[in-house]
Amino acid sequence: MLTLNLLGYHCPLPVHETRKALEGMEKGVTLTVIADDPETKHDIPMLLERIGAKLLHLEEEAGEIIFTIEKL
């Protein structure tokens, strides 16, 4: 499992960095993305649909949005 901490960054940077991380991963590996830009709740799931990755879990806690993603 890999973790990408994108706290303090605003779109489009979280989407770009998530895409870059997923491109470098092998299939079946899980990526946790931590962000605080509210736009990521919409933008990252859209990215995952386009590139064929799966959102396993989305959690929001104290202003932090935590995505658990599996590369397919």
N, C-alpha and C. Protein backbone atom coordinates (compact mmCIF):
# COMPACT_ATOMS: atom_id res chain seq x y z
N MET A 1 0.85 -1.18 0.00
CA MET A 1 0.00 0.00 0.00
C MET A 1 0.89 1.24 0.00
N LEU A 2 0.52 2.20 -0.84
CA LEU A 2 1.24 3.47 -0.93
C LEU A 2 0.33 4.58 -0.42
N THR A 3 0.94 5.66 0.08
CA THR A 3 0.17 6.81 0.56
C THR A 3 0.69 8.06 -0.12
N LEU A 4 -0.24 8.89 -0.57
CA LEU A 4 0.07 10.15 -1.22
C LEU A 4 -0.58 11.25 -0.39
N ASN A 5 0.24 12.09 0.26
CA ASN A 5 -0.27 13.16 1.10
C ASN A 5 -0.33 14.44 0.27
N LEU A 6 -1.54 14.89 -0.02
CA LEU A 6 -1.73 16.09 -0.84
C LEU A 6 -2.44 17.19 -0.05
N LEU A 7 -2.27 17.18 1.25
CA LEU A 7 -2.87 18.22 2.09
C LEU A 7 -2.26 19.58 1.73
N GLY A 8 -3.13 20.56 1.58
CA GLY A 8 -2.67 21.92 1.26
C GLY A 8 -2.57 22.21 -0.23
N TYR A 9 -2.78 21.20 -1.07
CA TYR A 9 -2.73 21.40 -2.51
C TYR A 9 -4.13 21.52 -3.08
N HIS A 10 -4.28 22.34 -4.10
CA HIS A 10 -5.59 22.55 -4.71
C HIS A 10 -5.59 22.04 -6.14
N CYS A 11 -6.79 21.68 -6.62
CA CYS A 11 -6.94 21.16 -7.98
C CYS A 11 -6.40 22.18 -8.98
N PRO A 12 -5.73 21.68 -9.99
CA PRO A 12 -5.73 20.30 -10.46
C PRO A 12 -4.58 19.45 -9.91
N LEU A 13 -3.76 19.97 -9.01
CA LEU A 13 -2.58 19.23 -8.55
C LEU A 13 -2.92 17.88 -7.91
N PRO A 14 -3.91 17.76 -7.02
CA PRO A 14 -4.20 16.43 -6.45
C PRO A 14 -4.57 15.39 -7.51
N VAL A 15 -5.33 15.81 -8.52
CA VAL A 15 -5.72 14.88 -9.59
C VAL A 15 -4.49 14.48 -10.40
N HIS A 16 -3.66 15.45 -10.74
CA HIS A 16 -2.45 15.18 -11.52
C HIS A 16 -1.51 14.23 -10.77
N GLU A 17 -1.29 14.49 -9.49
CA GLU A 17 -0.39 13.65 -8.69
C GLU A 17 -0.96 12.25 -8.48
N THR A 18 -2.28 12.15 -8.33
CA THR A 18 -2.91 10.84 -8.18
C THR A 18 -2.74 10.03 -9.46
N ARG A 19 -2.96 10.67 -10.60
CA ARG A 19 -2.79 9.99 -11.89
C ARG A 19 -1.35 9.52 -12.06
N LYS A 20 -0.40 10.39 -11.73
CA LYS A 20 1.02 10.06 -11.86
C LYS A 20 1.39 8.87 -10.97
N ALA A 21 0.89 8.87 -9.75
CA ALA A 21 1.19 7.77 -8.82
C ALA A 21 0.61 6.46 -9.34
N LEU A 22 -0.63 6.49 -9.83
CA LEU A 22 -1.27 5.28 -10.33
C LEU A 22 -0.57 4.74 -11.57
N GLU A 23 -0.07 5.61 -12.43
CA GLU A 23 0.63 5.17 -13.63
C GLU A 23 1.88 4.37 -13.28
N GLY A 24 2.52 4.71 -12.18
CA GLY A 24 3.75 4.03 -11.78
C GLY A 24 3.55 2.79 -10.93
N MET A 25 2.30 2.43 -10.67
CA MET A 25 2.00 1.30 -9.79
C MET A 25 1.65 0.05 -10.59
N GLU A 26 1.85 -1.11 -9.97
CA GLU A 26 1.43 -2.36 -10.57
C GLU A 26 -0.04 -2.61 -10.25
N LYS A 27 -0.69 -3.41 -11.09
CA LYS A 27 -2.10 -3.75 -10.88
C LYS A 27 -2.27 -4.46 -9.54
N GLY A 28 -3.38 -4.15 -8.88
CA GLY A 28 -3.69 -4.79 -7.61
C GLY A 28 -3.15 -4.06 -6.39
N VAL A 29 -2.28 -3.07 -6.61
CA VAL A 29 -1.71 -2.31 -5.50
C VAL A 29 -2.71 -1.25 -5.06
N THR A 30 -2.74 -0.98 -3.76
CA THR A 30 -3.65 0.00 -3.19
C THR A 30 -2.92 1.31 -2.91
N LEU A 31 -3.59 2.41 -3.24
CA LEU A 31 -3.06 3.76 -3.01
C LEU A 31 -4.02 4.50 -2.09
N THR A 32 -3.50 5.11 -1.05
CA THR A 32 -4.28 5.98 -0.19
C THR A 32 -3.90 7.41 -0.52
N VAL A 33 -4.89 8.22 -0.85
CA VAL A 33 -4.67 9.63 -1.15
C VAL A 33 -5.35 10.44 -0.07
N ILE A 34 -4.59 11.37 0.54
CA ILE A 34 -5.13 12.24 1.58
C ILE A 34 -5.10 13.66 1.03
N ALA A 35 -6.27 14.29 0.98
CA ALA A 35 -6.38 15.64 0.43
C ALA A 35 -7.32 16.47 1.31
N ASP A 36 -7.28 17.79 1.11
CA ASP A 36 -8.22 18.63 1.85
C ASP A 36 -8.95 19.63 0.94
N ASP A 37 -8.75 19.53 -0.35
CA ASP A 37 -9.47 20.35 -1.30
C ASP A 37 -10.82 19.69 -1.58
N PRO A 38 -11.94 20.35 -1.24
CA PRO A 38 -13.26 19.74 -1.42
C PRO A 38 -13.53 19.30 -2.86
N GLU A 39 -12.92 19.94 -3.84
CA GLU A 39 -13.12 19.57 -5.24
C GLU A 39 -12.66 18.15 -5.53
N THR A 40 -11.72 17.62 -4.74
CA THR A 40 -11.21 16.27 -5.01
C THR A 40 -12.29 15.22 -4.83
N LYS A 41 -13.32 15.49 -4.01
CA LYS A 41 -14.40 14.52 -3.82
C LYS A 41 -15.13 14.24 -5.13
N HIS A 42 -15.09 15.16 -6.02
CA HIS A 42 -15.72 15.01 -7.33
C HIS A 42 -14.69 14.63 -8.39
N ASP A 43 -13.55 15.30 -8.35
CA ASP A 43 -12.55 15.15 -9.43
C ASP A 43 -11.81 13.81 -9.41
N ILE A 44 -11.43 13.32 -8.24
CA ILE A 44 -10.67 12.06 -8.19
C ILE A 44 -11.54 10.87 -8.63
N PRO A 45 -12.80 10.73 -8.16
CA PRO A 45 -13.62 9.63 -8.69
C PRO A 45 -13.80 9.70 -10.21
N MET A 46 -13.91 10.91 -10.77
CA MET A 46 -14.02 11.04 -12.23
C MET A 46 -12.74 10.56 -12.90
N LEU A 47 -11.59 10.91 -12.33
CA LEU A 47 -10.31 10.45 -12.86
C LEU A 47 -10.26 8.92 -12.86
N LEU A 48 -10.66 8.32 -11.75
CA LEU A 48 -10.59 6.87 -11.62
C LEU A 48 -11.46 6.17 -12.66
N GLU A 49 -12.62 6.73 -12.96
CA GLU A 49 -13.48 6.18 -14.00
C GLU A 49 -12.77 6.19 -15.35
N ARG A 50 -12.10 7.31 -15.65
CA ARG A 50 -11.44 7.46 -16.95
C ARG A 50 -10.25 6.54 -17.11
N ILE A 51 -9.50 6.31 -16.03
CA ILE A 51 -8.26 5.53 -16.17
C ILE A 51 -8.42 4.07 -15.75
N GLY A 52 -9.60 3.70 -15.26
CA GLY A 52 -9.84 2.29 -14.93
C GLY A 52 -9.25 1.86 -13.60
N ALA A 53 -9.36 2.71 -12.61
CA ALA A 53 -8.97 2.35 -11.24
C ALA A 53 -10.25 2.31 -10.40
N LYS A 54 -10.18 1.67 -9.25
CA LYS A 54 -11.38 1.46 -8.44
C LYS A 54 -11.27 2.19 -7.11
N LEU A 55 -12.29 2.98 -6.80
CA LEU A 55 -12.37 3.63 -5.50
C LEU A 55 -12.94 2.63 -4.51
N LEU A 56 -12.10 2.20 -3.57
CA LEU A 56 -12.53 1.21 -2.58
C LEU A 56 -13.23 1.85 -1.40
N HIS A 57 -12.78 3.05 -1.03
CA HIS A 57 -13.33 3.69 0.17
C HIS A 57 -13.08 5.19 0.10
N LEU A 58 -14.04 5.96 0.58
CA LEU A 58 -13.91 7.41 0.69
C LEU A 58 -14.34 7.79 2.09
N GLU A 59 -13.48 8.49 2.78
CA GLU A 59 -13.76 8.89 4.16
C GLU A 59 -13.40 10.35 4.32
N GLU A 60 -14.21 11.07 5.07
CA GLU A 60 -13.91 12.46 5.35
C GLU A 60 -13.88 12.65 6.85
N GLU A 61 -12.78 13.21 7.33
CA GLU A 61 -12.61 13.39 8.77
C GLU A 61 -11.84 14.67 9.05
N ALA A 62 -12.43 15.56 9.81
CA ALA A 62 -11.79 16.81 10.23
C ALA A 62 -11.23 17.60 9.03
N GLY A 63 -12.01 17.64 7.94
CA GLY A 63 -11.59 18.40 6.77
C GLY A 63 -10.64 17.66 5.84
N GLU A 64 -10.22 16.47 6.22
CA GLU A 64 -9.35 15.67 5.36
C GLU A 64 -10.20 14.64 4.63
N ILE A 65 -9.92 14.48 3.35
CA ILE A 65 -10.62 13.52 2.51
C ILE A 65 -9.64 12.40 2.21
N ILE A 66 -10.01 11.18 2.54
CA ILE A 66 -9.11 10.04 2.39
C ILE A 66 -9.72 9.07 1.37
N PHE A 67 -9.01 8.88 0.28
CA PHE A 67 -9.42 7.98 -0.79
C PHE A 67 -8.57 6.72 -0.70
N THR A 68 -9.20 5.55 -0.77
CA THR A 68 -8.48 4.29 -0.89
C THR A 68 -8.79 3.77 -2.29
N ILE A 69 -7.73 3.61 -3.10
CA ILE A 69 -7.87 3.33 -4.52
C ILE A 69 -7.09 2.06 -4.86
N GLU A 70 -7.68 1.23 -5.71
CA GLU A 70 -6.97 0.05 -6.21
C GLU A 70 -6.71 0.22 -7.70
N LYS A 71 -5.48 -0.02 -8.10
CA LYS A 71 -5.17 0.03 -9.52
C LYS A 71 -5.60 -1.29 -10.14
N LEU A 72 -6.41 -1.18 -11.21
CA LEU A 72 -6.91 -2.38 -11.89
C LEU A 72 -6.07 -2.69 -13.11
